[in-house]
Amino acid sequence: MTISVLYRDEDLIVVDKPAGVLSVPDRYDPDAPVLIRELAKTEGELFVVHRLDKDSSGVLIYARNAEAHRLLSLAFEERKVSKTYLAIVRGSPLWEETVCELSLRVDGDRLHRTLIDEGKGSKEARTTFKLVERFRSGSFSASLVEARPETGRTHQIRVHLSSLGFPILCDPLYGDGHHLVLSKIKGKWKGDPWAERPLLSRTALHAAAVEFPHPRSGGAMKVEAPLPKDMRAALTQLRKL
């Protein structure tokens, strides 16, 4: 497994997590590759600070000692960490920017989905969304959206976007799960349907940047991860529609 290291020092390591890899071991998917195990082979013991969904890509922080772990975890808890995601969604929002504050209940059904739930036991959640680009071809429409979660609930961005009517492309839990293929979105497509490969086959969500105070110096840090190849390829084709 190739892992791109975005930043490394004696207190922390920041990597660009590939899609399809778990951040930490998961009892629901015991056979999936686990990033922290792969990193431990060369980096030694690491401490989990936060997580990304298996199919999501992008910036992920691990602490390299117990004190850094404590301080980074405290920064997340006190909402001193700012995260920016990019998502390709189905549909075309009328808004340029909006805020979703629907409360959530984690692991709410047999599929272990997070559910919108305003009742007792639910957790507050807040995400700001900004429209970046729109794409349209005939009856098909999609958009590139920036998401900034202020809370860190499981699947928060995915659930909030779905609740707004704009599920993330290829999302199997909160969208239709269908792969993005050119033949379905481009008029007069003339390729071979039996040989066609999907433009995108995983949830189109990428952690583009994280801003946080360094656990030792307290100085402001910002680490960014470029869009991965599959999302870049999808956007290239969507921009041609």
Protein backbone atom coordinates (compact mmCIF):
# COMPACT_ATOMS: atom_id res chain seq x y z
CA MET A 1 0.00 0.00 0.00
CA THR A 2 1.34 3.43 -0.96
CA ILE A 3 0.72 6.04 1.73
CA SER A 4 1.49 9.69 1.08
CA VAL A 5 2.86 11.47 4.16
CA LEU A 6 1.78 15.12 4.16
CA TYR A 7 3.56 16.15 7.38
CA ARG A 8 5.65 14.43 10.02
CA ASP A 9 7.42 15.50 13.24
CA GLU A 10 8.13 14.02 16.67
CA ASP A 11 4.54 14.57 17.85
CA LEU A 12 2.32 13.71 14.93
CA ILE A 13 2.05 12.37 11.42
CA VAL A 14 -0.47 13.57 8.84
CA VAL A 15 -1.19 11.33 5.87
CA ASP A 16 -3.35 11.33 2.77
CA LYS A 17 -5.61 8.34 3.40
CA PRO A 18 -6.46 6.35 0.27
CA ALA A 19 -10.08 5.41 -0.35
CA GLY A 20 -10.97 1.83 0.50
CA VAL A 21 -8.75 1.67 3.59
CA LEU A 22 -9.97 1.75 7.20
CA SER A 23 -8.51 4.38 9.53
CA VAL A 24 -8.58 1.89 12.43
CA PRO A 25 -9.76 -1.74 12.78
CA ASP A 26 -13.50 -2.18 12.30
CA ARG A 27 -15.54 -5.09 13.68
CA TYR A 28 -17.95 -4.75 10.74
CA ASP A 29 -15.23 -5.21 8.10
CA PRO A 30 -12.45 -7.33 9.66
CA ASP A 31 -10.80 -8.21 6.34
CA ALA A 32 -10.35 -4.64 5.07
CA PRO A 33 -6.84 -3.11 5.04
CA VAL A 34 -6.19 -0.85 8.04
CA LEU A 35 -4.12 2.31 7.67
CA ILE A 36 -2.82 2.51 11.25
CA ARG A 37 -1.46 -1.04 10.97
CA GLU A 38 0.33 -0.26 7.73
CA LEU A 39 1.83 2.92 9.15
CA ALA A 40 2.96 1.15 12.32
CA LYS A 41 5.34 -0.97 10.23
CA THR A 42 7.51 2.09 9.57
CA GLU A 43 6.33 4.69 12.10
CA GLY A 44 5.96 2.61 15.25
CA GLU A 45 3.10 3.05 17.72
CA LEU A 46 0.52 5.64 16.72
CA PHE A 47 -2.51 7.05 18.53
CA VAL A 48 -5.88 7.64 16.85
CA VAL A 49 -6.97 11.30 16.88
CA HIS A 50 -9.88 11.19 14.45
CA ARG A 51 -11.19 8.96 11.66
CA LEU A 52 -12.32 8.99 8.05
CA ASP A 53 -14.88 6.60 6.58
CA LYS A 54 -13.42 3.65 4.70
CA ASP A 55 -14.43 4.98 1.27
CA SER A 56 -13.39 8.57 2.02
CA SER A 57 -9.94 9.87 1.16
CA GLY A 58 -7.82 12.74 2.41
CA VAL A 59 -6.15 14.33 5.41
CA LEU A 60 -5.86 12.12 8.50
CA ILE A 61 -3.90 12.88 11.70
CA TYR A 62 -2.29 10.37 14.04
CA ALA A 63 -0.42 11.31 17.23
CA ARG A 64 3.02 9.82 17.89
CA ASN A 65 2.99 10.02 21.70
CA ALA A 66 0.46 10.07 24.53
CA GLU A 67 0.77 13.78 25.32
CA ALA A 68 0.31 14.82 21.69
CA HIS A 69 -2.70 12.51 21.55
CA ARG A 70 -4.22 14.13 24.64
CA LEU A 71 -3.74 17.67 23.33
CA LEU A 72 -4.93 16.94 19.79
CA SER A 73 -7.99 15.10 21.13
CA LEU A 74 -8.73 18.07 23.38
CA ALA A 75 -8.47 20.43 20.39
CA PHE A 76 -11.05 18.35 18.53
CA GLU A 77 -13.29 18.21 21.59
CA GLU A 78 -13.11 21.98 22.08
CA ARG A 79 -13.78 22.57 18.36
CA LYS A 80 -10.44 24.21 17.72
CA VAL A 81 -10.01 22.07 14.61
CA SER A 82 -11.40 23.15 11.23
CA LYS A 83 -12.00 20.50 8.57
CA THR A 84 -12.80 21.10 4.91
CA TYR A 85 -14.21 18.37 2.67
CA LEU A 86 -15.09 18.22 -1.02
CA ALA A 87 -18.00 16.09 -2.19
CA ILE A 88 -19.52 15.41 -5.61
CA VAL A 89 -23.27 15.15 -5.11
CA ARG A 90 -26.23 14.24 -7.24
CA GLY A 91 -28.45 17.20 -8.10
CA SER A 92 -28.05 20.95 -8.32
CA PRO A 93 -28.68 23.00 -5.15
CA LEU A 94 -30.48 26.31 -5.50
CA TRP A 95 -28.41 27.69 -2.63
CA GLU A 96 -24.87 29.01 -2.87
CA GLU A 97 -24.31 28.36 0.83
CA THR A 98 -26.41 26.72 3.52
CA VAL A 99 -26.16 25.34 7.05
CA CYS A 100 -27.63 22.00 8.16
CA GLU A 101 -28.22 21.57 11.89
CA LEU A 102 -30.26 18.36 11.96
CA SER A 103 -29.47 16.24 15.03
CA LEU A 104 -28.19 12.70 14.50
CA ARG A 105 -28.40 9.27 16.07
CA VAL A 106 -25.38 7.07 15.29
CA ASP A 107 -25.78 3.35 14.50
CA GLY A 108 -29.51 3.81 14.23
CA ASP A 109 -30.55 0.75 12.20
CA ARG A 110 -29.45 -2.74 11.17
CA LEU A 111 -27.21 -1.26 8.45
CA HIS A 112 -25.41 0.77 11.15
CA ARG A 113 -26.45 4.01 9.48
CA THR A 114 -26.56 7.37 11.18
CA LEU A 115 -30.13 8.69 11.22
CA ILE A 116 -31.72 12.10 11.43
CA ASP A 117 -33.25 12.14 14.90
CA GLU A 118 -34.42 15.17 16.87
CA GLY A 119 -35.56 13.04 19.81
CA LYS A 120 -34.02 12.07 23.12
CA GLY A 121 -30.50 10.66 22.86
CA SER A 122 -29.71 12.35 19.58
CA LYS A 123 -26.54 14.40 19.14
CA GLU A 124 -26.39 17.96 17.84
CA ALA A 125 -24.68 18.31 14.48
CA ARG A 126 -23.86 21.30 12.31
CA THR A 127 -22.38 21.43 8.80
CA THR A 128 -21.87 24.43 6.53
CA PHE A 129 -22.10 23.70 2.81
CA LYS A 130 -20.92 25.86 -0.09
CA LEU A 131 -21.65 25.24 -3.76
CA VAL A 132 -18.45 25.16 -5.84
CA GLU A 133 -19.55 23.97 -9.33
CA ARG A 134 -22.65 22.67 -11.12
CA PHE A 135 -22.75 20.07 -13.93
CA ARG A 136 -25.70 19.15 -16.13
CA SER A 137 -26.43 16.93 -19.14
CA GLY A 138 -30.05 16.29 -20.06
CA SER A 139 -31.83 14.93 -17.00
CA PHE A 140 -28.56 14.30 -15.15
CA SER A 141 -27.18 16.91 -12.79
CA ALA A 142 -24.38 16.90 -10.24
CA SER A 143 -22.47 19.44 -8.18
CA LEU A 144 -19.16 19.88 -6.41
CA VAL A 145 -19.82 20.99 -2.85
CA GLU A 146 -17.51 22.12 -0.05
CA ALA A 147 -18.46 20.90 3.43
CA ARG A 148 -17.24 22.27 6.76
CA PRO A 149 -18.48 20.19 9.71
CA GLU A 150 -18.43 21.94 13.08
CA THR A 151 -19.22 18.71 14.92
CA GLY A 152 -17.74 15.28 14.25
CA ARG A 153 -20.60 12.80 14.18
CA THR A 154 -20.19 9.52 12.30
CA HIS A 155 -21.23 9.95 8.63
CA GLN A 156 -22.32 13.52 9.41
CA ILE A 157 -21.60 15.07 6.00
CA ARG A 158 -23.11 12.13 4.13
CA VAL A 159 -26.32 12.18 6.17
CA HIS A 160 -26.74 15.96 6.09
CA LEU A 161 -26.26 16.13 2.31
CA SER A 162 -28.70 13.28 1.78
CA SER A 163 -31.26 14.97 4.05
CA LEU A 164 -30.95 18.15 1.95
CA GLY A 165 -31.75 16.11 -1.17
CA PHE A 166 -28.21 15.94 -2.57
CA PRO A 167 -26.71 12.54 -1.73
CA ILE A 168 -23.04 12.01 -2.47
CA LEU A 169 -22.40 10.13 -5.71
CA CYS A 170 -21.87 6.36 -5.31
CA ASP A 171 -22.76 6.43 -1.60
CA PRO A 172 -24.18 2.96 -0.84
CA LEU A 173 -25.72 3.92 2.52
CA TYR A 174 -27.22 7.38 1.99
CA GLY A 175 -27.46 7.51 -1.81
CA ASP A 176 -28.29 5.04 -4.57
CA GLY A 177 -24.83 3.44 -4.55
CA HIS A 178 -24.66 3.44 -8.35
CA HIS A 179 -21.26 3.88 -9.97
CA LEU A 180 -20.70 7.00 -12.05
CA VAL A 181 -20.38 5.90 -15.68
CA LEU A 182 -20.02 8.13 -18.72
CA SER A 183 -22.64 6.23 -20.75
CA LYS A 184 -25.33 7.21 -18.25
CA ILE A 185 -24.56 10.92 -18.15
CA LYS A 186 -23.32 11.85 -21.62
CA GLY A 187 -25.64 12.15 -24.59
CA LYS A 188 -24.69 10.25 -27.77
CA TRP A 189 -22.07 8.17 -25.98
CA LYS A 190 -20.55 5.70 -28.47
CA GLY A 191 -18.33 3.47 -26.35
CA ASP A 192 -18.55 -0.26 -25.72
CA PRO A 193 -20.93 -0.82 -22.77
CA TRP A 194 -19.31 -4.18 -21.98
CA ALA A 195 -15.83 -2.66 -21.73
CA GLU A 196 -16.81 0.56 -19.96
CA ARG A 197 -15.17 1.21 -16.59
CA PRO A 198 -16.73 3.50 -13.97
CA LEU A 199 -15.46 7.04 -13.64
CA LEU A 200 -16.10 6.72 -9.93
CA SER A 201 -17.03 3.67 -7.88
CA ARG A 202 -16.75 4.85 -4.26
CA THR A 203 -18.39 7.52 -2.13
CA ALA A 204 -17.18 10.82 -3.63
CA LEU A 205 -16.01 12.45 -0.41
CA HIS A 206 -12.50 13.81 0.21
CA ALA A 207 -11.01 15.46 3.30
CA ALA A 208 -9.23 18.32 1.55
CA ALA A 209 -7.76 20.23 4.52
CA VAL A 210 -7.44 20.27 8.30
CA GLU A 211 -6.45 23.29 10.40
CA PHE A 212 -5.41 22.71 14.03
CA PRO A 213 -3.09 23.96 16.80
CA HIS A 214 0.17 22.06 16.99
CA PRO A 215 0.15 20.03 20.23
CA ARG A 216 3.64 21.14 21.29
CA SER A 217 4.02 24.72 20.06
CA GLY A 218 0.36 25.72 19.88
CA GLY A 219 1.05 27.29 16.50
CA ALA A 220 -1.62 27.20 13.82
CA MET A 221 -1.16 24.46 11.23
CA LYS A 222 -2.96 23.73 7.99
CA VAL A 223 -2.40 20.52 6.06
CA GLU A 224 -4.00 19.90 2.67
CA ALA A 225 -4.43 16.81 0.50
CA PRO A 226 -4.94 17.08 -3.27
CA LEU A 227 -7.99 15.52 -4.86
CA PRO A 228 -7.31 11.85 -5.64
CA LYS A 229 -7.11 10.54 -9.18
CA ASP A 230 -10.63 9.07 -9.30
CA MET A 231 -12.35 12.28 -8.22
CA ARG A 232 -10.17 14.38 -10.55
CA ALA A 233 -11.07 12.10 -13.46
CA ALA A 234 -14.78 12.30 -12.61
CA LEU A 235 -14.68 16.10 -12.43
CA THR A 236 -12.80 16.31 -15.75
CA GLN A 237 -15.60 14.41 -17.48
CA LEU A 238 -18.38 16.26 -15.65
CA ARG A 239 -16.89 19.58 -16.79
CA LYS A 240 -17.20 18.39 -20.41
CA LEU A 241 -20.96 17.81 -20.18
